[in-house]
C-alpha atoms as a PDB file:
ATOM      1  CA  MET A   1       0.001   0.027  -0.021  1.00  0.00           C
ATOM      2  CA  ALA A   2       3.014   2.307   0.231  1.00  0.00           C
ATOM      3  CA  ASP A   3       3.009   3.001  -3.528  1.00  0.00           C
ATOM      4  CA  LYS A   4      -0.714   3.780  -3.429  1.00  0.00           C
ATOM      5  CA  LYS A   5      -0.206   6.149  -0.523  1.00  0.00           C
ATOM      6  CA  GLU A   6       2.708   7.839  -2.296  1.00  0.00           C
ATOM      7  CA  LEU A   7       0.636   8.163  -5.482  1.00  0.00           C
ATOM      8  CA  ALA A   8      -2.304   9.628  -3.506  1.00  0.00           C
ATOM      9  CA  ALA A   9      -0.042  12.133  -1.829  1.00  0.00           C
ATOM     10  CA  ARG A  10       1.547  13.147  -5.149  1.00  0.00           C
ATOM     11  CA  VAL A  11      -1.823  13.594  -6.841  1.00  0.00           C
ATOM     12  CA  LEU A  12      -3.015  15.721  -3.940  1.00  0.00           C
ATOM     13  CA  GLU A  13       0.078  17.841  -4.174  1.00  0.00           C
ATOM     14  CA  LEU A  14      -0.399  18.413  -7.902  1.00  0.00           C
ATOM     15  CA  VAL A  15      -3.994  19.551  -7.488  1.00  0.00           C
ATOM     16  CA  GLY A  16      -2.846  22.249  -5.098  1.00  0.00           C
ATOM     17  CA  GLY A  17      -2.807  20.455  -1.765  1.00  0.00           C
ATOM     18  CA  ALA A  18      -5.542  19.454   0.681  1.00  0.00           C
ATOM     19  CA  ASP A  19      -6.506  23.058   1.403  1.00  0.00           C
ATOM     20  CA  ASN A  20      -7.375  23.547  -2.277  1.00  0.00           C
ATOM     21  CA  VAL A  21      -9.773  20.593  -2.464  1.00  0.00           C
ATOM     22  CA  VAL A  22     -13.489  21.280  -1.995  1.00  0.00           C
ATOM     23  CA  MET A  23     -14.611  17.725  -2.668  1.00  0.00           C
ATOM     24  CA  ALA A  24     -12.963  14.482  -3.812  1.00  0.00           C
ATOM     25  CA  THR A  25     -14.824  11.605  -5.391  1.00  0.00           C
ATOM     26  CA  HIS A  26     -14.072   8.727  -7.699  1.00  0.00           C
ATOM     27  CA  CYS A  27     -15.745   6.608 -10.361  1.00  0.00           C
ATOM     28  CA  ILE A  28     -14.668   3.203 -11.576  1.00  0.00           C
ATOM     29  CA  THR A  29     -11.395   4.488 -13.089  1.00  0.00           C
ATOM     30  CA  ARG A  30     -10.847   8.135 -12.091  1.00  0.00           C
ATOM     31  CA  LEU A  31     -10.168  10.347  -9.123  1.00  0.00           C
ATOM     32  CA  ARG A  32     -12.275  13.500  -9.322  1.00  0.00           C
ATOM     33  CA  PHE A  33     -11.539  16.758  -7.609  1.00  0.00           C
ATOM     34  CA  ASN A  34     -13.491  20.021  -7.259  1.00  0.00           C
ATOM     35  CA  LEU A  35     -10.955  22.696  -6.462  1.00  0.00           C
ATOM     36  CA  LYS A  36     -11.101  26.147  -4.904  1.00  0.00           C
ATOM     37  CA  ASP A  37      -8.408  27.605  -7.156  1.00  0.00           C
ATOM     38  CA  ASP A  38      -7.625  25.868 -10.468  1.00  0.00           C
ATOM     39  CA  SER A  39      -4.483  27.942 -10.936  1.00  0.00           C
ATOM     40  CA  LYS A  40      -2.793  26.060  -8.086  1.00  0.00           C
ATOM     41  CA  ALA A  41      -3.125  22.688  -9.904  1.00  0.00           C
ATOM     42  CA  ASP A  42      -0.671  21.417 -12.539  1.00  0.00           C
ATOM     43  CA  LEU A  43      -2.500  19.540 -15.322  1.00  0.00           C
ATOM     44  CA  GLU A  44       0.600  18.723 -17.366  1.00  0.00           C
ATOM     45  CA  ALA A  45       2.350  17.212 -14.326  1.00  0.00           C
ATOM     46  CA  LEU A  46      -0.740  15.084 -13.609  1.00  0.00           C
ATOM     47  CA  LYS A  47      -0.831  13.798 -17.178  1.00  0.00           C
ATOM     48  CA  THR A  48       2.744  12.508 -16.912  1.00  0.00           C
ATOM     49  CA  LEU A  49       2.567  11.366 -13.275  1.00  0.00           C
ATOM     50  CA  ASP A  50       3.959   7.858 -12.689  1.00  0.00           C
ATOM     51  CA  GLY A  51       1.009   5.640 -11.719  1.00  0.00           C
ATOM     52  CA  ALA A  52      -1.605   7.745 -13.540  1.00  0.00           C
ATOM     53  CA  LEU A  53      -2.908   7.052 -17.010  1.00  0.00           C
ATOM     54  CA  GLY A  54      -3.718  10.648 -17.788  1.00  0.00           C
ATOM     55  CA  ALA A  55      -5.630  13.657 -16.573  1.00  0.00           C
ATOM     56  CA  GLN A  56      -8.155  16.253 -17.792  1.00  0.00           C
ATOM     57  CA  VAL A  57     -10.377  19.047 -16.645  1.00  0.00           C
ATOM     58  CA  LYS A  58     -14.025  18.708 -17.539  1.00  0.00           C
ATOM     59  CA  ASP A  59     -16.826  21.076 -16.507  1.00  0.00           C
ATOM     60  CA  GLY A  60     -14.567  22.550 -13.863  1.00  0.00           C
ATOM     61  CA  GLN A  61     -13.808  19.138 -12.347  1.00  0.00           C
ATOM     62  CA  TRP A  62     -10.238  17.815 -12.288  1.00  0.00           C
ATOM     63  CA  GLN A  63     -10.067  14.099 -13.260  1.00  0.00           C
ATOM     64  CA  VAL A  64      -7.013  11.911 -12.788  1.00  0.00           C
ATOM     65  CA  ILE A  65      -7.228   8.539 -14.595  1.00  0.00           C
ATOM     66  CA  ILE A  66      -5.873   5.805 -12.333  1.00  0.00           C
ATOM     67  CA  GLY A  67      -7.515   2.633 -13.670  1.00  0.00           C
ATOM     68  CA  ALA A  68      -8.724  -0.400 -11.795  1.00  0.00           C
ATOM     69  CA  SER A  69      -6.846   0.491  -8.583  1.00  0.00           C
ATOM     70  CA  VAL A  70      -8.584   3.837  -8.197  1.00  0.00           C
ATOM     71  CA  GLY A  71     -10.425   2.628  -5.083  1.00  0.00           C
ATOM     72  CA  SER A  72      -7.201   1.840  -3.243  1.00  0.00           C
ATOM     73  CA  VAL A  73      -5.669   5.182  -4.125  1.00  0.00           C
ATOM     74  CA  TYR A  74      -8.866   6.964  -3.117  1.00  0.00           C
ATOM     75  CA  ASP A  75      -8.811   5.226   0.305  1.00  0.00           C
ATOM     76  CA  GLU A  76      -5.332   6.666   0.867  1.00  0.00           C
ATOM     77  CA  LEU A  77      -6.708  10.201   0.382  1.00  0.00           C
ATOM     78  CA  GLU A  78      -9.193   9.861   3.263  1.00  0.00           C
ATOM     79  CA  PRO A  79      -6.820  10.696   6.111  1.00  0.00           C
ATOM     80  CA  MET A  80      -5.553  13.664   4.119  1.00  0.00           C
ATOM     81  CA  LEU A  81      -8.962  15.119   3.207  1.00  0.00           C
ATOM     82  CA  GLY A  82     -11.298  13.984   5.981  1.00  0.00           C
ATOM     83  CA  ASP A  83     -14.897  15.102   5.496  1.00  0.00           C
ATOM     84  CA  ARG A  84     -14.167  16.329   1.941  1.00  0.00           C
ATOM     85  CA  MET A  85     -14.403  12.764   0.662  1.00  0.00           C
ATOM     86  CA  GLY A  86     -17.580  12.367  -1.464  1.00  0.00           C
ATOM     87  CA  GLY A  87     -17.346   8.625  -2.152  1.00  0.00           C
ATOM     88  CA  GLU A  88     -18.051   6.847  -5.404  1.00  0.00           C
ATOM     89  CA  VAL A  89     -19.933   8.435  -8.268  1.00  0.00           C
ATOM     90  CA  SER A  90     -21.173   7.229 -11.638  1.00  0.00           C
ATOM     91  CA  ALA A  91     -18.712   7.339 -14.509  1.00  0.00           C
ATOM     92  CA  ASP A  92     -19.217   9.640 -17.433  1.00  0.00           C
ATOM     93  CA  ALA A  93     -20.685   7.866 -20.449  1.00  0.00           C
ATOM     94  CA  GLU A  94     -18.072   9.330 -22.801  1.00  0.00           C
ATOM     95  CA  GLN A  95     -15.006   8.241 -20.810  1.00  0.00           C
ATOM     96  CA  PRO A  96     -12.670   6.575 -23.367  1.00  0.00           C
ATOM     97  CA  GLU A  97     -11.805   3.752 -20.988  1.00  0.00           C
ATOM     98  CA  LEU A  98     -15.507   2.945 -20.653  1.00  0.00           C
ATOM     99  CA  GLN A  99     -16.556   3.237 -24.287  1.00  0.00           C
ATOM    100  CA  LYS A 100     -16.894  -0.526 -24.733  1.00  0.00           C
ATOM    101  CA  GLY A 101     -20.259  -1.977 -23.846  1.00  0.00           C
ATOM    102  CA  SER A 102     -18.662  -4.614 -21.643  1.00  0.00           C
ATOM    103  CA  ALA A 103     -16.949  -1.898 -19.600  1.00  0.00           C
ATOM    104  CA  ARG A 104     -20.197  -0.129 -19.067  1.00  0.00           C
ATOM    105  CA  VAL A 105     -21.893  -3.317 -17.955  1.00  0.00           C
ATOM    106  CA  PHE A 106     -18.985  -4.025 -15.615  1.00  0.00           C
ATOM    107  CA  ASP A 107     -19.332  -0.526 -14.137  1.00  0.00           C
ATOM    108  CA  ILE A 108     -22.998  -1.157 -13.423  1.00  0.00           C
ATOM    109  CA  ILE A 109     -22.431  -4.616 -11.927  1.00  0.00           C
ATOM    110  CA  THR A 110     -19.538  -3.536  -9.697  1.00  0.00           C
ATOM    111  CA  GLY A 111     -21.476  -0.450  -8.628  1.00  0.00           C
ATOM    112  CA  ILE A 112     -24.462  -2.564  -7.559  1.00  0.00           C
ATOM    113  CA  PHE A 113     -22.651  -5.455  -5.888  1.00  0.00           C
ATOM    114  CA  SER A 114     -19.654  -3.784  -4.286  1.00  0.00           C
ATOM    115  CA  ALA A 115     -21.855  -2.132  -1.713  1.00  0.00           C
ATOM    116  CA  ILE A 116     -23.341  -5.431  -0.522  1.00  0.00           C
ATOM    117  CA  ILE A 117     -20.214  -7.556  -0.579  1.00  0.00           C
ATOM    118  CA  PRO A 118     -19.646  -7.370   3.222  1.00  0.00           C
ATOM    119  CA  ALA A 119     -23.084  -8.857   3.908  1.00  0.00           C
ATOM    120  CA  LEU A 120     -22.652 -11.627   1.302  1.00  0.00           C
ATOM    121  CA  VAL A 121     -19.184 -12.467   2.582  1.00  0.00           C
ATOM    122  CA  ALA A 122     -20.442 -12.623   6.170  1.00  0.00           C
ATOM    123  CA  GLY A 123     -23.236 -15.011   5.215  1.00  0.00           C
ATOM    124  CA  GLY A 124     -20.957 -17.125   3.025  1.00  0.00           C
ATOM    125  CA  ILE A 125     -18.307 -17.462   5.717  1.00  0.00           C
ATOM    126  CA  VAL A 126     -20.857 -18.619   8.306  1.00  0.00           C
ATOM    127  CA  LYS A 127     -22.329 -21.058   5.787  1.00  0.00           C
ATOM    128  CA  GLY A 128     -18.848 -22.413   4.974  1.00  0.00           C
ATOM    129  CA  ILE A 129     -18.100 -22.989   8.690  1.00  0.00           C
ATOM    130  CA  LEU A 130     -21.404 -24.757   9.198  1.00  0.00           C
ATOM    131  CA  ALA A 131     -20.792 -26.912   6.143  1.00  0.00           C
ATOM    132  CA  ALA A 132     -17.368 -27.910   7.446  1.00  0.00           C
ATOM    133  CA  ILE A 133     -18.892 -28.829  10.785  1.00  0.00           C
ATOM    134  CA  ALA A 134     -21.690 -30.811   9.126  1.00  0.00           C
ATOM    135  CA  ALA A 135     -19.059 -32.804   7.172  1.00  0.00           C
ATOM    136  CA  PHE A 136     -18.074 -34.454  10.458  1.00  0.00           C
ATOM    137  CA  GLY A 137     -21.643 -35.756  10.995  1.00  0.00           C
ATOM    138  CA  ILE A 138     -22.784 -32.962  13.316  1.00  0.00           C
ATOM    139  CA  ASP A 139     -26.343 -31.717  12.877  1.00  0.00           C
ATOM    140  CA  THR A 140     -26.078 -27.999  12.210  1.00  0.00           C
ATOM    141  CA  GLY A 141     -29.806 -27.530  11.614  1.00  0.00           C
ATOM    142  CA  ALA A 142     -30.908 -27.602  15.213  1.00  0.00           C
ATOM    143  CA  GLY A 143     -29.904 -26.712  18.728  1.00  0.00           C
ATOM    144  CA  ASP A 144     -27.206 -24.129  19.224  1.00  0.00           C
ATOM    145  CA  PHE A 145     -26.439 -24.063  15.502  1.00  0.00           C
ATOM    146  CA  ALA A 146     -29.926 -22.979  14.477  1.00  0.00           C
ATOM    147  CA  ILE A 147     -29.300 -19.298  15.139  1.00  0.00           C
ATOM    148  CA  PHE A 148     -26.106 -19.420  13.150  1.00  0.00           C
ATOM    149  CA  ASN A 149     -28.034 -20.998  10.254  1.00  0.00           C
ATOM    150  CA  MET A 150     -30.364 -18.068  10.466  1.00  0.00           C
ATOM    151  CA  ILE A 151     -27.467 -15.609  10.396  1.00  0.00           C
ATOM    152  CA  SER A 152     -26.000 -17.286   7.355  1.00  0.00           C
ATOM    153  CA  ASP A 153     -29.309 -17.202   5.484  1.00  0.00           C
ATOM    154  CA  ILE A 154     -30.298 -13.592   6.210  1.00  0.00           C
ATOM    155  CA  PRO A 155     -28.070 -11.857   3.648  1.00  0.00           C
ATOM    156  CA  PHE A 156     -29.242 -14.292   0.906  1.00  0.00           C
ATOM    157  CA  TYR A 157     -32.904 -14.540   1.755  1.00  0.00           C
ATOM    158  CA  PHE A 158     -33.234 -10.770   1.949  1.00  0.00           C
ATOM    159  CA  LEU A 159     -30.864 -10.219  -0.961  1.00  0.00           C
ATOM    160  CA  PRO A 160     -33.595  -8.303  -2.901  1.00  0.00           C
ATOM    161  CA  PHE A 161     -33.562  -5.579  -0.219  1.00  0.00           C
ATOM    162  CA  LEU A 162     -29.801  -5.305  -0.270  1.00  0.00           C
ATOM    163  CA  LEU A 163     -29.749  -5.077  -4.061  1.00  0.00           C
ATOM    164  CA  ALA A 164     -32.597  -2.579  -4.048  1.00  0.00           C
ATOM    165  CA  MET A 165     -30.584  -0.139  -1.989  1.00  0.00           C
ATOM    166  CA  SER A 166     -27.363  -0.510  -3.957  1.00  0.00           C
ATOM    167  CA  THR A 167     -29.163  -0.324  -7.313  1.00  0.00           C
ATOM    168  CA  ALA A 168     -31.083   2.747  -6.119  1.00  0.00           C
ATOM    169  CA  ASP A 169     -27.738   4.411  -5.262  1.00  0.00           C
ATOM    170  CA  LYS A 170     -26.230   3.458  -8.623  1.00  0.00           C
ATOM    171  CA  PHE A 171     -29.226   4.736 -10.661  1.00  0.00           C
ATOM    172  CA  ARG A 172     -29.909   7.700  -8.345  1.00  0.00           C
ATOM    173  CA  VAL A 173     -33.457   6.840  -7.408  1.00  0.00           C
ATOM    174  CA  ASN A 174     -35.095   7.148  -3.963  1.00  0.00           C
ATOM    175  CA  ARG A 175     -34.071   4.318  -1.666  1.00  0.00           C
ATOM    176  CA  SER A 176     -37.454   4.019   0.056  1.00  0.00           C
ATOM    177  CA  LEU A 177     -39.221   3.522  -3.267  1.00  0.00           C
ATOM    178  CA  ALA A 178     -36.616   0.914  -4.298  1.00  0.00           C
ATOM    179  CA  LEU A 179     -37.227  -0.944  -1.069  1.00  0.00           C
ATOM    180  CA  CYS A 180     -40.963  -0.946  -1.886  1.00  0.00           C
ATOM    181  CA  VAL A 181     -40.156  -2.699  -5.154  1.00  0.00           C
ATOM    182  CA  ALA A 182     -38.112  -5.321  -3.273  1.00  0.00           C
ATOM    183  CA  GLY A 183     -40.898  -5.670  -0.683  1.00  0.00           C
ATOM    184  CA  SER A 184     -43.407  -6.476  -3.450  1.00  0.00           C
ATOM    185  CA  LEU A 185     -41.361  -9.570  -4.327  1.00  0.00           C
ATOM    186  CA  ILE A 186     -41.361 -10.869  -0.754  1.00  0.00           C
ATOM    187  CA  TYR A 187     -44.914  -9.774   0.180  1.00  0.00           C
ATOM    188  CA  PRO A 188     -46.571 -12.363   2.531  1.00  0.00           C
ATOM    189  CA  THR A 189     -49.349 -13.104  -0.015  1.00  0.00           C
ATOM    190  CA  ILE A 190     -46.714 -14.202  -2.545  1.00  0.00           C
ATOM    191  CA  VAL A 191     -44.488 -15.993  -0.069  1.00  0.00           C
ATOM    192  CA  ASN A 192     -47.386 -17.972   1.413  1.00  0.00           C
ATOM    193  CA  ALA A 193     -48.603 -18.991  -2.074  1.00  0.00           C
ATOM    194  CA  VAL A 194     -45.287 -20.434  -3.170  1.00  0.00           C
ATOM    195  CA  GLY A 195     -45.533 -24.218  -3.620  1.00  0.00           C
ATOM    196  CA  THR A 196     -49.299 -24.340  -3.002  1.00  0.00           C
ATOM    197  CA  GLY A 197     -50.392 -23.983  -6.591  1.00  0.00           C
ATOM    198  CA  GLU A 198     -52.564 -20.998  -5.693  1.00  0.00           C
ATOM    199  CA  THR A 199     -52.540 -17.752  -7.699  1.00  0.00           C
ATOM    200  CA  PRO A 200     -54.049 -15.150  -5.322  1.00  0.00           C
ATOM    201  CA  LEU A 201     -53.049 -12.092  -7.388  1.00  0.00           C
ATOM    202  CA  ALA A 202     -54.452 -11.009 -10.746  1.00  0.00           C
ATOM    203  CA  LEU A 203     -54.529  -7.760 -12.710  1.00  0.00           C
ATOM    204  CA  PHE A 204     -56.899  -6.907 -15.580  1.00  0.00           C
ATOM    205  CA  GLY A 205     -57.755 -10.585 -15.903  1.00  0.00           C
ATOM    206  CA  PHE A 206     -54.149 -11.764 -16.031  1.00  0.00           C
ATOM    207  CA  THR A 207     -52.891 -14.003 -13.220  1.00  0.00           C
ATOM    208  CA  VAL A 208     -49.656 -12.919 -11.555  1.00  0.00           C
ATOM    209  CA  PRO A 209     -47.178 -15.801 -11.672  1.00  0.00           C
ATOM    210  CA  ILE A 210     -46.109 -16.944  -8.172  1.00  0.00           C
ATOM    211  CA  PHE A 211     -42.451 -17.678  -7.452  1.00  0.00           C
ATOM    212  CA  SER A 212     -40.119 -17.481  -4.507  1.00  0.00           C
ATOM    213  CA  TYR A 213     -38.160 -14.273  -4.969  1.00  0.00           C
ATOM    214  CA  ALA A 214     -36.093 -14.726  -1.826  1.00  0.00           C
ATOM    215  CA  ASP A 215     -32.361 -14.626  -2.664  1.00  0.00           C
ATOM    216  CA  SER A 216     -33.186 -13.545  -6.209  1.00  0.00           C
ATOM    217  CA  VAL A 217     -31.073 -11.052  -8.197  1.00  0.00           C
ATOM    218  CA  PHE A 218     -32.424  -9.939 -11.532  1.00  0.00           C
ATOM    219  CA  PRO A 219     -36.056  -9.176 -10.674  1.00  0.00           C
ATOM    220  CA  VAL A 220     -35.261  -6.472  -8.110  1.00  0.00           C
ATOM    221  CA  ILE A 221     -32.390  -5.031 -10.145  1.00  0.00           C
ATOM    222  CA  PHE A 222     -34.508  -4.677 -13.230  1.00  0.00           C
ATOM    223  CA  GLY A 223     -37.364  -3.408 -11.114  1.00  0.00           C
ATOM    224  CA  VAL A 224     -35.321  -0.625  -9.585  1.00  0.00           C
ATOM    225  CA  ILE A 225     -33.734   0.291 -12.947  1.00  0.00           C
ATOM    226  CA  GLY A 226     -37.212   0.521 -14.382  1.00  0.00           C
ATOM    227  CA  LEU A 227     -38.284   2.591 -11.437  1.00  0.00           C
ATOM    228  CA  SER A 228     -35.494   5.069 -12.086  1.00  0.00           C
ATOM    229  CA  PHE A 229     -36.648   5.630 -15.685  1.00  0.00           C
ATOM    230  CA  VAL A 230     -40.373   5.751 -14.900  1.00  0.00           C
ATOM    231  CA  TYR A 231     -39.891   8.060 -11.927  1.00  0.00           C
ATOM    232  CA  ARG A 232     -37.895  10.579 -14.008  1.00  0.00           C
ATOM    233  CA  ALA A 233     -40.310  10.404 -16.894  1.00  0.00           C
ATOM    234  CA  ILE A 234     -43.308  11.123 -14.659  1.00  0.00           C
ATOM    235  CA  ASP A 235     -41.400  13.781 -12.740  1.00  0.00           C
ATOM    236  CA  LYS A 236     -40.873  15.778 -15.935  1.00  0.00           C
ATOM    237  CA  VAL A 237     -44.563  16.154 -16.694  1.00  0.00           C
ATOM    238  CA  VAL A 238     -46.131  16.506 -13.286  1.00  0.00           C
ATOM    239  CA  PRO A 239     -46.428  20.079 -11.880  1.00  0.00           C
ATOM    240  CA  ASP A 240     -44.218  20.883  -8.890  1.00  0.00           C
ATOM    241  CA  LEU A 241     -47.203  21.332  -6.667  1.00  0.00           C
ATOM    242  CA  PHE A 242     -48.259  17.680  -7.066  1.00  0.00           C
ATOM    243  CA  LYS A 243     -44.858  15.959  -7.436  1.00  0.00           C
ATOM    244  CA  LEU A 244     -44.648  14.630  -3.885  1.00  0.00           C
ATOM    245  CA  VAL A 245     -48.131  13.152  -4.055  1.00  0.00           C
ATOM    246  CA  ILE A 246     -48.357  11.873  -7.599  1.00  0.00           C
ATOM    247  CA  VAL A 247     -44.828  10.889  -8.772  1.00  0.00           C
ATOM    248  CA  PRO A 248     -43.945   8.265  -6.093  1.00  0.00           C
ATOM    249  CA  ALA A 249     -47.385   6.676  -6.082  1.00  0.00           C
ATOM    250  CA  LEU A 250     -47.742   6.530  -9.853  1.00  0.00           C
ATOM    251  CA  SER A 251     -44.214   5.195 -10.266  1.00  0.00           C
ATOM    252  CA  LEU A 252     -44.829   2.253  -7.923  1.00  0.00           C
ATOM    253  CA  ALA A 253     -48.244   1.628  -9.450  1.00  0.00           C
ATOM    254  CA  ILE A 254     -46.567   1.183 -12.850  1.00  0.00           C
ATOM    255  CA  VAL A 255     -43.307  -0.528 -11.953  1.00  0.00           C
ATOM    256  CA  ILE A 256     -44.433  -3.139  -9.391  1.00  0.00           C
ATOM    257  CA  PRO A 257     -47.143  -4.833 -11.556  1.00  0.00           C
ATOM    258  CA  VAL A 258     -44.847  -4.916 -14.569  1.00  0.00           C
ATOM    259  CA  ASN A 259     -41.998  -6.274 -12.468  1.00  0.00           C
ATOM    260  CA  LEU A 260     -44.211  -9.084 -11.056  1.00  0.00           C
ATOM    261  CA  PHE A 261     -45.187 -10.173 -14.586  1.00  0.00           C
ATOM    262  CA  VAL A 262     -41.958  -9.842 -16.508  1.00  0.00           C
ATOM    263  CA  PRO A 263     -39.564 -11.745 -14.180  1.00  0.00           C
ATOM    264  CA  GLY A 264     -42.014 -14.622 -13.964  1.00  0.00           C
ATOM    265  CA  ALA A 265     -42.102 -14.956 -17.722  1.00  0.00           C
ATOM    266  CA  VAL A 266     -38.521 -14.222 -18.648  1.00  0.00           C
ATOM    267  CA  LEU A 267     -36.105 -14.684 -15.731  1.00  0.00           C
ATOM    268  CA  VAL A 268     -37.282 -17.840 -14.040  1.00  0.00           C
ATOM    269  CA  SER A 269     -35.493 -21.143 -14.504  1.00  0.00           C
ATOM    270  CA  PRO A 270     -36.584 -23.457 -11.693  1.00  0.00           C
ATOM    271  CA  THR A 271     -35.692 -26.566 -13.700  1.00  0.00           C
ATOM    272  CA  VAL A 272     -32.050 -25.536 -13.944  1.00  0.00           C
ATOM    273  CA  SER A 273     -31.943 -24.595 -10.221  1.00  0.00           C
ATOM    274  CA  PHE A 274     -33.547 -27.881  -9.185  1.00  0.00           C
ATOM    275  CA  GLY A 275     -31.333 -29.917 -11.426  1.00  0.00           C
ATOM    276  CA  TYR A 276     -28.241 -28.280 -10.005  1.00  0.00           C
ATOM    277  CA  SER A 277     -29.214 -29.031  -6.444  1.00  0.00           C
ATOM    278  CA  ARG A 278     -29.834 -32.693  -7.414  1.00  0.00           C
ATOM    279  CA  HIS A 279     -26.360 -32.937  -8.906  1.00  0.00           C
ATOM    280  CA  TRP A 280     -24.832 -32.073  -5.564  1.00  0.00           C
ATOM    281  CA  ALA A 281     -25.968 -35.377  -4.176  1.00  0.00           C
ATOM    282  CA  LEU A 282     -24.342 -37.264  -7.075  1.00  0.00           C
ATOM    283  CA  LEU A 283     -20.895 -35.777  -7.499  1.00  0.00           C
ATOM    284  CA  PRO A 284     -19.649 -33.048  -5.117  1.00  0.00           C
ATOM    285  CA  VAL A 285     -16.392 -32.308  -6.856  1.00  0.00           C
ATOM    286  CA  PHE A 286     -17.963 -32.009 -10.307  1.00  0.00           C
ATOM    287  CA  CYS A 287     -20.706 -29.739  -9.038  1.00  0.00           C
ATOM    288  CA  TRP A 288     -18.207 -27.568  -7.152  1.00  0.00           C
ATOM    289  CA  ALA A 289     -16.186 -27.016 -10.292  1.00  0.00           C
ATOM    290  CA  SER A 290     -19.176 -26.441 -12.535  1.00  0.00           C
ATOM    291  CA  LEU A 291     -20.790 -24.137  -9.978  1.00  0.00           C
ATOM    292  CA  CYS A 292     -17.651 -21.991  -9.795  1.00  0.00           C
ATOM    293  CA  ARG A 293     -17.874 -21.664 -13.600  1.00  0.00           C
ATOM    294  CA  LEU A 294     -21.603 -21.062 -13.852  1.00  0.00           C
ATOM    295  CA  SER A 295     -22.436 -19.544 -10.504  1.00  0.00           C
ATOM    296  CA  CYS A 296     -23.043 -16.081 -11.976  1.00  0.00           C
ATOM    297  CA  SER A 297     -25.779 -17.223 -14.313  1.00  0.00           C
ATOM    298  CA  LEU A 298     -27.319 -19.566 -11.790  1.00  0.00           C
ATOM    299  CA  VAL A 299     -27.305 -17.044  -8.951  1.00  0.00           C
ATOM    300  CA  CYS A 300     -28.932 -14.472 -11.207  1.00  0.00           C
ATOM    301  CA  THR A 301     -31.863 -16.734 -12.093  1.00  0.00           C
ATOM    302  CA  SER A 302     -34.651 -15.634  -9.879  1.00  0.00           C
ATOM    303  CA  GLN A 303     -36.341 -18.630  -8.400  1.00  0.00           C
ATOM    304  CA  ARG A 304     -35.689 -22.110  -7.161  1.00  0.00           C
ATOM    305  CA  ALA A 305     -38.000 -25.135  -7.314  1.00  0.00           C
ATOM    306  CA  PRO A 306     -39.019 -26.888  -4.051  1.00  0.00           C
ATOM    307  CA  SER A 307     -36.577 -29.581  -3.067  1.00  0.00           C
ATOM    308  CA  ARG A 308     -35.577 -31.597  -0.045  1.00  0.00           C
ATOM    309  CA  PHE A 309     -32.318 -29.675   0.207  1.00  0.00           C
ATOM    310  CA  PRO A 310     -32.041 -26.624   2.509  1.00  0.00           C
ATOM    311  CA  ILE A 311     -31.510 -23.145   1.124  1.00  0.00           C
ATOM    312  CA  SER A 312     -27.764 -23.324   1.548  1.00  0.00           C
ATOM    313  CA  GLN A 313     -27.587 -26.274  -0.871  1.00  0.00           C
ATOM    314  CA  ARG A 314     -29.591 -24.683  -3.634  1.00  0.00           C
ATOM    315  CA  TRP A 315     -27.732 -21.555  -4.550  1.00  0.00           C
ATOM    316  CA  GLY A 316     -24.559 -20.505  -6.183  1.00  0.00           C
ATOM    317  CA  MET A 317     -24.227 -17.585  -3.822  1.00  0.00           C
ATOM    318  CA  THR A 318     -23.003 -20.065  -1.199  1.00  0.00           C
ATOM    319  CA  ILE A 319     -19.861 -20.903  -3.086  1.00  0.00           C
ATOM    320  CA  CYS A 320     -17.926 -20.844   0.152  1.00  0.00           C
ATOM    321  CA  SER A 321     -20.262 -23.472   1.606  1.00  0.00           C
ATOM    322  CA  ARG A 322     -19.967 -25.613  -1.503  1.00  0.00           C
ATOM    323  CA  SER A 323     -16.184 -25.344  -1.616  1.00  0.00           C
ATOM    324  CA  LEU A 324     -15.756 -26.458   2.046  1.00  0.00           C
ATOM    325  CA  SER A 325     -18.286 -29.241   1.845  1.00  0.00           C
ATOM    326  CA  ALA A 326     -16.780 -30.518  -1.410  1.00  0.00           C
ATOM    327  CA  ILE A 327     -13.196 -30.380  -0.142  1.00  0.00           C
ATOM    328  CA  THR A 328     -14.107 -32.216   3.065  1.00  0.00           C
ATOM    329  CA  SER A 329     -16.000 -34.938   1.236  1.00  0.00           C
ATOM    330  CA  PRO A 330     -14.213 -38.319   1.664  1.00  0.00           C
ATOM    331  CA  LYS A 331     -14.510 -39.010  -2.066  1.00  0.00           C
ATOM    332  CA  VAL A 332     -12.826 -35.740  -2.947  1.00  0.00           C
ATOM    333  CA  VAL A 333     -10.086 -36.243  -0.365  1.00  0.00           C
ATOM    334  CA  ARG A 334      -9.275 -39.641  -1.848  1.00  0.00           C
ATOM    335  CA  LEU A 335      -9.361 -38.150  -5.327  1.00  0.00           C
ATOM    336  CA  LEU A 336      -7.003 -35.348  -4.364  1.00  0.00           C
ATOM    337  CA  VAL A 337      -4.567 -37.555  -2.453  1.00  0.00           C
ATOM    338  CA  ARG A 338      -4.343 -40.304  -5.071  1.00  0.00           C
ATOM    339  CA  PRO A 339      -2.154 -38.426  -7.602  1.00  0.00           C
ATOM    340  CA  CYS A 340       0.367 -37.727  -4.837  1.00  0.00           C
ATOM    341  CA  ALA A 341       0.677 -41.331  -3.757  1.00  0.00           C
END
């Protein structure tokens, strides 16, 4: 971290020092500074600075291109700038380093998931420990272990709420409205109807498909993204006097019904999810390897079919659990040791 700290200090020096910084932020590749006095900064020196990929001034904001390690360099600025740190912001659409579609998608994905990584890691670590304990024949589903099972499941079961907040921040839409979109997916009427064959909700003669949206990914992300566009579109045409009353209510009235219909028709793959959980019983090491390769697509499918396996054995988000349980499997141990014999 010494080189990152030195780079941060050098950048700060070239923008005129800490006293010249009004606010410092960063996007996926750039450090961004709003300065009190532009004449104190040295643009040419920033462009040729070792560790930087370039620099520019745009709309009065000084931008230093760092690349993928921008987060680490930005963290080193915190003790130097204190409360003038503005956190992460969205990248400009015209940034050369983000012109490729894949880079833009990566920016969106990292922006959404980076904020919730601590919760997912916490749940995954607890699941992994429980899986390792269970490998020795200890029942981790009852007794003193029950509360730890609950702790490990919380980040994944309520994943829609976590994603709603991070997606709302990324697309700059109200968090409380985004949480309402997530809440519609885990509303008791829907949760209680899962697996019963009942369809208690209908709209204009069309039955709302019922699925378990707990630990789903795409439905809430697409719902909040849709909310951001719908909210802004309505906000443009509604008079200021009625914005607070009409815009939020009308936005939810449009987005939530559409979000309940579209994910059910497009994003659900219970057959794949169920088949994957069945494979775990047949060949742990094969499933572990294939899950590591395909976890992204499987995690992002929204629902899972009923099965006799607990939640921790049905989802790619519990890679840590899978890894530990696969490694501690006697068959895998023999397979790994055999080539060394």
